PDB file of N, CA and C in Angstrom:
ATOM      1  N   MET A   1      -2.386   1.122  -8.901  1.00  0.00           N
ATOM      2  CA  MET A   1      -1.619  -0.066  -8.589  1.00  0.00           C
ATOM      3  C   MET A   1      -1.267  -0.053  -7.107  1.00  0.00           C
ATOM      4  N   PRO A   2      -1.539  -1.152  -6.405  1.00  0.00           N
ATOM      5  CA  PRO A   2      -1.161  -1.212  -4.998  1.00  0.00           C
ATOM      6  C   PRO A   2       0.367  -1.227  -4.848  1.00  0.00           C
ATOM      7  N   VAL A   3       0.824  -0.736  -3.743  1.00  0.00           N
ATOM      8  CA  VAL A   3       2.261  -0.698  -3.467  1.00  0.00           C
ATOM      9  C   VAL A   3       2.526  -1.317  -2.096  1.00  0.00           C
ATOM     10  N   PRO A   4       3.767  -1.734  -1.850  1.00  0.00           N
ATOM     11  CA  PRO A   4       4.094  -2.304  -0.539  1.00  0.00           C
ATOM     12  C   PRO A   4       3.838  -1.308   0.593  1.00  0.00           C
ATOM     13  N   THR A   5       3.350  -1.834   1.692  1.00  0.00           N
ATOM     14  CA  THR A   5       3.117  -1.028   2.889  1.00  0.00           C
ATOM     15  C   THR A   5       3.805  -1.703   4.077  1.00  0.00           C
ATOM     16  N   GLY A   6       3.976  -0.945   5.129  1.00  0.00           N
ATOM     17  CA  GLY A   6       4.683  -1.448   6.298  1.00  0.00           C
ATOM     18  C   GLY A   6       3.964  -2.534   7.056  1.00  0.00           C
ATOM     19  N   ASP A   7       2.645  -2.618   6.893  1.00  0.00           N
ATOM     20  CA  ASP A   7       1.893  -3.608   7.654  1.00  0.00           C
ATOM     21  C   ASP A   7       1.814  -4.977   6.980  1.00  0.00           C
ATOM     22  N   LEU A   8       2.318  -5.093   5.762  1.00  0.00           N
ATOM     23  CA  LEU A   8       2.347  -6.394   5.091  1.00  0.00           C
ATOM     24  C   LEU A   8       3.522  -7.206   5.605  1.00  0.00           C
ATOM     25  N   THR A   9       3.350  -8.521   5.636  1.00  0.00           N
ATOM     26  CA  THR A   9       4.485  -9.348   6.020  1.00  0.00           C
ATOM     27  C   THR A   9       5.497  -9.354   4.879  1.00  0.00           C
ATOM     28  N   VAL A  10       6.702  -9.734   5.216  1.00  0.00           N
ATOM     29  CA  VAL A  10       7.749  -9.822   4.207  1.00  0.00           C
ATOM     30  C   VAL A  10       7.341 -10.857   3.151  1.00  0.00           C
ATOM     31  N   ALA A  11       6.801 -11.985   3.581  1.00  0.00           N
ATOM     32  CA  ALA A  11       6.391 -13.029   2.636  1.00  0.00           C
ATOM     33  C   ALA A  11       5.327 -12.517   1.669  1.00  0.00           C
ATOM     34  N   GLU A  12       4.344 -11.766   2.183  1.00  0.00           N
ATOM     35  CA  GLU A  12       3.316 -11.190   1.305  1.00  0.00           C
ATOM     36  C   GLU A  12       3.937 -10.220   0.307  1.00  0.00           C
ATOM     37  N   THR A  13       4.850  -9.409   0.797  1.00  0.00           N
ATOM     38  CA  THR A  13       5.504  -8.423  -0.062  1.00  0.00           C
ATOM     39  C   THR A  13       6.293  -9.114  -1.169  1.00  0.00           C
ATOM     40  N   LEU A  14       7.071 -10.119  -0.812  1.00  0.00           N
ATOM     41  CA  LEU A  14       7.879 -10.836  -1.792  1.00  0.00           C
ATOM     42  C   LEU A  14       7.010 -11.595  -2.795  1.00  0.00           C
ATOM     43  N   ALA A  15       5.914 -12.168  -2.327  1.00  0.00           N
ATOM     44  CA  ALA A  15       5.026 -12.934  -3.217  1.00  0.00           C
ATOM     45  C   ALA A  15       4.307 -12.018  -4.204  1.00  0.00           C
ATOM     46  N   ARG A  16       3.843 -10.876  -3.724  1.00  0.00           N
ATOM     47  CA  ARG A  16       3.107  -9.943  -4.602  1.00  0.00           C
ATOM     48  C   ARG A  16       4.030  -9.207  -5.562  1.00  0.00           C
ATOM     49  N   TRP A  17       5.219  -8.872  -5.073  1.00  0.00           N
ATOM     50  CA  TRP A  17       6.151  -8.059  -5.866  1.00  0.00           C
ATOM     51  C   TRP A  17       7.552  -8.661  -5.808  1.00  0.00           C
ATOM     52  N   PRO A  18       7.833  -9.661  -6.635  1.00  0.00           N
ATOM     53  CA  PRO A  18       9.164 -10.288  -6.627  1.00  0.00           C
ATOM     54  C   PRO A  18      10.307  -9.308  -6.862  1.00  0.00           C
ATOM     55  N   ALA A  19      10.029  -8.186  -7.497  1.00  0.00           N
ATOM     56  CA  ALA A  19      11.079  -7.186  -7.729  1.00  0.00           C
ATOM     57  C   ALA A  19      11.624  -6.619  -6.416  1.00  0.00           C
ATOM     58  N   THR A  20      10.908  -6.806  -5.315  1.00  0.00           N
ATOM     59  CA  THR A  20      11.373  -6.293  -4.025  1.00  0.00           C
ATOM     60  C   THR A  20      12.492  -7.143  -3.424  1.00  0.00           C
ATOM     61  N   ILE A  21      12.707  -8.328  -3.985  1.00  0.00           N
ATOM     62  CA  ILE A  21      13.783  -9.191  -3.475  1.00  0.00           C
ATOM     63  C   ILE A  21      15.109  -8.438  -3.461  1.00  0.00           C
ATOM     64  N   SER A  22      15.390  -7.749  -4.546  1.00  0.00           N
ATOM     65  CA  SER A  22      16.671  -7.040  -4.642  1.00  0.00           C
ATOM     66  C   SER A  22      16.807  -5.954  -3.579  1.00  0.00           C
ATOM     67  N   VAL A  23      15.703  -5.348  -3.181  1.00  0.00           N
ATOM     68  CA  VAL A  23      15.753  -4.301  -2.147  1.00  0.00           C
ATOM     69  C   VAL A  23      16.143  -4.912  -0.804  1.00  0.00           C
ATOM     70  N   PHE A  24      15.474  -5.990  -0.427  1.00  0.00           N
ATOM     71  CA  PHE A  24      15.807  -6.634   0.845  1.00  0.00           C
ATOM     72  C   PHE A  24      17.256  -7.114   0.841  1.00  0.00           C
ATOM     73  N   MET A  25      17.725  -7.611  -0.293  1.00  0.00           N
ATOM     74  CA  MET A  25      19.113  -8.067  -0.380  1.00  0.00           C
ATOM     75  C   MET A  25      20.087  -6.899  -0.317  1.00  0.00           C
ATOM     76  N   ARG A  26      19.755  -5.799  -0.990  1.00  0.00           N
ATOM     77  CA  ARG A  26      20.631  -4.627  -0.972  1.00  0.00           C
ATOM     78  C   ARG A  26      20.783  -4.066   0.442  1.00  0.00           C
ATOM     79  N   TYR A  27      19.721  -4.165   1.243  1.00  0.00           N
ATOM     80  CA  TYR A  27      19.783  -3.681   2.621  1.00  0.00           C
ATOM     81  C   TYR A  27      20.518  -4.656   3.542  1.00  0.00           C
ATOM     82  N   GLY A  28      20.903  -5.815   3.020  1.00  0.00           N
ATOM     83  CA  GLY A  28      21.652  -6.771   3.824  1.00  0.00           C
ATOM     84  C   GLY A  28      20.802  -7.541   4.814  1.00  0.00           C
ATOM     85  N   THR A  29      19.510  -7.636   4.555  1.00  0.00           N
ATOM     86  CA  THR A  29      18.642  -8.396   5.445  1.00  0.00           C
ATOM     87  C   THR A  29      18.677  -9.867   5.059  1.00  0.00           C
ATOM     88  N   ALA A  30      18.212 -10.705   5.950  1.00  0.00           N
ATOM     89  CA  ALA A  30      18.103 -12.137   5.679  1.00  0.00           C
ATOM     90  C   ALA A  30      16.664 -12.499   5.329  1.00  0.00           C
ATOM     91  N   CYS A  31      15.884 -11.510   4.921  1.00  0.00           N
ATOM     92  CA  CYS A  31      14.450 -11.692   4.697  1.00  0.00           C
ATOM     93  C   CYS A  31      14.114 -12.693   3.596  1.00  0.00           C
ATOM     94  N   VAL A  32      14.872 -12.662   2.528  1.00  0.00           N
ATOM     95  CA  VAL A  32      14.596 -13.563   1.411  1.00  0.00           C
ATOM     96  C   VAL A  32      14.974 -14.978   1.849  1.00  0.00           C
ATOM     97  N   GLY A  33      13.977 -15.833   1.961  1.00  0.00           N
ATOM     98  CA  GLY A  33      14.202 -17.207   2.401  1.00  0.00           C
ATOM     99  C   GLY A  33      14.159 -17.405   3.904  1.00  0.00           C
ATOM    100  N   CYS A  34      13.935 -16.353   4.652  1.00  0.00           N
ATOM    101  CA  CYS A  34      13.892 -16.447   6.113  1.00  0.00           C
ATOM    102  C   CYS A  34      12.612 -17.152   6.576  1.00  0.00           C
ATOM    103  N   VAL A  35      12.741 -17.998   7.591  1.00  0.00           N
ATOM    104  CA  VAL A  35      11.577 -18.700   8.117  1.00  0.00           C
ATOM    105  C   VAL A  35      10.601 -17.754   8.814  1.00  0.00           C
ATOM    106  N   MET A  36      11.068 -16.558   9.186  1.00  0.00           N
ATOM    107  CA  MET A  36      10.198 -15.583   9.857  1.00  0.00           C
ATOM    108  C   MET A  36       9.448 -14.685   8.872  1.00  0.00           C
ATOM    109  N   ALA A  37       9.777 -14.768   7.593  1.00  0.00           N
ATOM    110  CA  ALA A  37       9.165 -13.893   6.582  1.00  0.00           C
ATOM    111  C   ALA A  37       7.631 -13.938   6.588  1.00  0.00           C
ATOM    112  N   PRO A  38       7.000 -15.081   6.853  1.00  0.00           N
ATOM    113  CA  PRO A  38       5.536 -15.082   6.887  1.00  0.00           C
ATOM    114  C   PRO A  38       4.943 -14.377   8.114  1.00  0.00           C
ATOM    115  N   PHE A  39       5.774 -14.086   9.086  1.00  0.00           N
ATOM    116  CA  PHE A  39       5.281 -13.534  10.348  1.00  0.00           C
ATOM    117  C   PHE A  39       5.693 -12.089  10.598  1.00  0.00           C
ATOM    118  N   GLU A  40       6.849 -11.673  10.082  1.00  0.00           N
ATOM    119  CA  GLU A  40       7.347 -10.324  10.339  1.00  0.00           C
ATOM    120  C   GLU A  40       6.897  -9.359   9.243  1.00  0.00           C
ATOM    121  N   THR A  41       6.490  -8.183   9.687  1.00  0.00           N
ATOM    122  CA  THR A  41       6.067  -7.159   8.736  1.00  0.00           C
ATOM    123  C   THR A  41       7.273  -6.354   8.258  1.00  0.00           C
ATOM    124  N   VAL A  42       7.047  -5.606   7.206  1.00  0.00           N
ATOM    125  CA  VAL A  42       8.101  -4.716   6.699  1.00  0.00           C
ATOM    126  C   VAL A  42       8.484  -3.714   7.787  1.00  0.00           C
ATOM    127  N   ASP A  43       7.511  -3.204   8.514  1.00  0.00           N
ATOM    128  CA  ASP A  43       7.810  -2.272   9.615  1.00  0.00           C
ATOM    129  C   ASP A  43       8.700  -2.930  10.663  1.00  0.00           C
ATOM    130  N   GLU A  44       8.418  -4.179  10.994  1.00  0.00           N
ATOM    131  CA  GLU A  44       9.232  -4.887  11.991  1.00  0.00           C
ATOM    132  C   GLU A  44      10.655  -5.107  11.479  1.00  0.00           C
ATOM    133  N   VAL A  45      10.789  -5.380  10.196  1.00  0.00           N
ATOM    134  CA  VAL A  45      12.125  -5.546   9.606  1.00  0.00           C
ATOM    135  C   VAL A  45      12.927  -4.260   9.756  1.00  0.00           C
ATOM    136  N   ALA A  46      12.273  -3.133   9.529  1.00  0.00           N
ATOM    137  CA  ALA A  46      12.960  -1.844   9.677  1.00  0.00           C
ATOM    138  C   ALA A  46      13.492  -1.686  11.103  1.00  0.00           C
ATOM    139  N   VAL A  47      12.708  -2.083  12.081  1.00  0.00           N
ATOM    140  CA  VAL A  47      13.142  -1.982  13.477  1.00  0.00           C
ATOM    141  C   VAL A  47      14.263  -2.980  13.759  1.00  0.00           C
ATOM    142  N   ILE A  48      14.077  -4.223  13.351  1.00  0.00           N
ATOM    143  CA  ILE A  48      15.059  -5.280  13.630  1.00  0.00           C
ATOM    144  C   ILE A  48      16.429  -4.931  13.061  1.00  0.00           C
ATOM    145  N   TYR A  49      16.446  -4.376  11.845  1.00  0.00           N
ATOM    146  CA  TYR A  49      17.707  -4.064  11.177  1.00  0.00           C
ATOM    147  C   TYR A  49      18.124  -2.594  11.327  1.00  0.00           C
ATOM    148  N   SER A  50      17.413  -1.856  12.170  1.00  0.00           N
ATOM    149  CA  SER A  50      17.709  -0.433  12.390  1.00  0.00           C
ATOM    150  C   SER A  50      17.757   0.342  11.074  1.00  0.00           C
ATOM    151  N   LEU A  51      16.735   0.121  10.241  1.00  0.00           N
ATOM    152  CA  LEU A  51      16.641   0.788   8.944  1.00  0.00           C
ATOM    153  C   LEU A  51      15.675   1.956   9.026  1.00  0.00           C
ATOM    154  N   ASP A  52      15.866   2.923   8.171  1.00  0.00           N
ATOM    155  CA  ASP A  52      14.930   4.034   8.056  1.00  0.00           C
ATOM    156  C   ASP A  52      13.671   3.500   7.374  1.00  0.00           C
ATOM    157  N   ARG A  53      12.576   3.437   8.107  1.00  0.00           N
ATOM    158  CA  ARG A  53      11.331   2.859   7.601  1.00  0.00           C
ATOM    159  C   ARG A  53      10.877   3.525   6.315  1.00  0.00           C
ATOM    160  N   GLU A  54      10.871   4.841   6.299  1.00  0.00           N
ATOM    161  CA  GLU A  54      10.382   5.571   5.127  1.00  0.00           C
ATOM    162  C   GLU A  54      11.258   5.317   3.908  1.00  0.00           C
ATOM    163  N   GLN A  55      12.568   5.236   4.117  1.00  0.00           N
ATOM    164  CA  GLN A  55      13.485   4.960   3.007  1.00  0.00           C
ATOM    165  C   GLN A  55      13.284   3.546   2.483  1.00  0.00           C
ATOM    166  N   LEU A  56      13.127   2.588   3.385  1.00  0.00           N
ATOM    167  CA  LEU A  56      12.886   1.205   2.985  1.00  0.00           C
ATOM    168  C   LEU A  56      11.613   1.105   2.155  1.00  0.00           C
ATOM    169  N   LEU A  57      10.537   1.713   2.639  1.00  0.00           N
ATOM    170  CA  LEU A  57       9.277   1.683   1.887  1.00  0.00           C
ATOM    171  C   LEU A  57       9.414   2.381   0.541  1.00  0.00           C
ATOM    172  N   ALA A  58      10.117   3.494   0.508  1.00  0.00           N
ATOM    173  CA  ALA A  58      10.316   4.210  -0.756  1.00  0.00           C
ATOM    174  C   ALA A  58      11.076   3.336  -1.750  1.00  0.00           C
ATOM    175  N   ASP A  59      12.090   2.625  -1.271  1.00  0.00           N
ATOM    176  CA  ASP A  59      12.868   1.761  -2.148  1.00  0.00           C
ATOM    177  C   ASP A  59      12.045   0.559  -2.615  1.00  0.00           C
ATOM    178  N   LEU A  60      11.233  -0.003  -1.725  1.00  0.00           N
ATOM    179  CA  LEU A  60      10.359  -1.114  -2.123  1.00  0.00           C
ATOM    180  C   LEU A  60       9.352  -0.651  -3.173  1.00  0.00           C
ATOM    181  N   ARG A  61       8.779   0.512  -2.960  1.00  0.00           N
ATOM    182  CA  ARG A  61       7.797   1.040  -3.914  1.00  0.00           C
ATOM    183  C   ARG A  61       8.441   1.372  -5.258  1.00  0.00           C
ATOM    184  N   ALA A  62       9.654   1.871  -5.230  1.00  0.00           N
ATOM    185  CA  ALA A  62      10.360   2.183  -6.477  1.00  0.00           C
ATOM    186  C   ALA A  62      10.680   0.905  -7.249  1.00  0.00           C
ATOM    187  N   ALA A  63      10.949  -0.181  -6.539  1.00  0.00           N
ATOM    188  CA  ALA A  63      11.212  -1.458  -7.200  1.00  0.00           C
ATOM    189  C   ALA A  63       9.965  -1.987  -7.894  1.00  0.00           C
ATOM    190  N   VAL A  64       8.813  -1.727  -7.284  1.00  0.00           N
ATOM    191  CA  VAL A  64       7.536  -2.185  -7.828  1.00  0.00           C
ATOM    192  C   VAL A  64       7.101  -1.333  -9.013  1.00  0.00           C
ATOM    193  N   ASP A  65       7.283  -0.030  -8.875  1.00  0.00           N
ATOM    194  CA  ASP A  65       6.862   0.911  -9.921  1.00  0.00           C
ATOM    195  C   ASP A  65       8.006   1.888 -10.169  1.00  0.00           C
ATOM    196  N   PRO A  66       8.763   1.669 -11.244  1.00  0.00           N
ATOM    197  CA  PRO A  66       9.903   2.550 -11.516  1.00  0.00           C
ATOM    198  C   PRO A  66       9.521   4.025 -11.659  1.00  0.00           C
ATOM    199  N   GLY A  67       8.245   4.319 -11.827  1.00  0.00           N
ATOM    200  CA  GLY A  67       7.799   5.705 -11.903  1.00  0.00           C
ATOM    201  C   GLY A  67       7.799   6.397 -10.553  1.00  0.00           C
ATOM    202  N   ILE A  68       7.912   5.606  -9.488  1.00  0.00           N
ATOM    203  CA  ILE A  68       7.961   6.146  -8.129  1.00  0.00           C
ATOM    204  C   ILE A  68       9.425   6.364  -7.783  1.00  0.00           C
ATOM    205  N   GLU A  69       9.759   7.547  -7.331  1.00  0.00           N
ATOM    206  CA  GLU A  69      11.148   7.836  -6.995  1.00  0.00           C
ATOM    207  C   GLU A  69      11.537   7.187  -5.686  1.00  0.00           C
ATOM    208  N   SER A  70      12.727   6.670  -5.671  1.00  0.00           N
ATOM    209  CA  SER A  70      13.300   6.117  -4.460  1.00  0.00           C
ATOM    210  C   SER A  70      13.979   7.233  -3.686  1.00  0.00           C
ATOM    211  N   GLY A  71      13.905   7.157  -2.389  1.00  0.00           N
ATOM    212  CA  GLY A  71      14.612   8.136  -1.563  1.00  0.00           C
ATOM    213  C   GLY A  71      13.907   9.451  -1.471  1.00  0.00           C
ATOM    214  N   ALA A  72      14.665  10.459  -1.121  1.00  0.00           N
ATOM    215  CA  ALA A  72      14.114  11.797  -0.915  1.00  0.00           C
ATOM    216  C   ALA A  72      13.607  12.369  -2.236  1.00  0.00           C
ATOM    217  N   GLU A  73      12.581  13.166  -2.141  1.00  0.00           N
ATOM    218  CA  GLU A  73      12.029  13.816  -3.333  1.00  0.00           C
ATOM    219  C   GLU A  73      13.061  14.806  -3.883  1.00  0.00           C
ATOM    220  N   LEU A  74      13.178  14.779  -5.168  1.00  0.00           N
ATOM    221  CA  LEU A  74      14.151  15.665  -5.816  1.00  0.00           C
ATOM    222  C   LEU A  74      13.442  16.865  -6.405  1.00  0.00           C
ATOM    223  N   SER A  75      14.087  17.982  -6.331  1.00  0.00           N
ATOM    224  CA  SER A  75      13.572  19.196  -6.951  1.00  0.00           C
ATOM    225  C   SER A  75      13.929  19.140  -8.431  1.00  0.00           C
ATOM    226  N   ARG A  76      12.952  19.333  -9.281  1.00  0.00           N
ATOM    227  CA  ARG A  76      13.196  19.290 -10.716  1.00  0.00           C
ATOM    228  C   ARG A  76      12.939  20.650 -11.326  1.00  0.00           C
ATOM    229  N   PRO A  77      13.864  21.138 -12.115  1.00  0.00           N
ATOM    230  CA  PRO A  77      13.646  22.420 -12.771  1.00  0.00           C
ATOM    231  C   PRO A  77      12.421  22.350 -13.675  1.00  0.00           C
ATOM    232  N   GLY A  78      11.600  23.364 -13.592  1.00  0.00           N
ATOM    233  CA  GLY A  78      10.405  23.439 -14.434  1.00  0.00           C
ATOM    234  C   GLY A  78       9.246  22.603 -13.948  1.00  0.00           C
ATOM    235  N   ALA A  79       9.410  21.947 -12.795  1.00  0.00           N
ATOM    236  CA  ALA A  79       8.326  21.123 -12.280  1.00  0.00           C
ATOM    237  C   ALA A  79       7.399  21.933 -11.412  1.00  0.00           C
TER     238      ALA A  79
END
């Protein structure tokens, strides 16, 4: 299954994976409904809003596929 990447525009990301709307809203961005969404990439949003790019991508990917962990990798006993 494809996952969101930093080089996709916000509009592409939202159109392909509507579950990512909540991530952009949780980060306090104006991306959802923004006129710049068709032009700005996820990477650019991270810069504009001073967000941790890797964390943003991890959260977007976790929204798309709940099997993907959000945030830092966790150590699991017996894994």
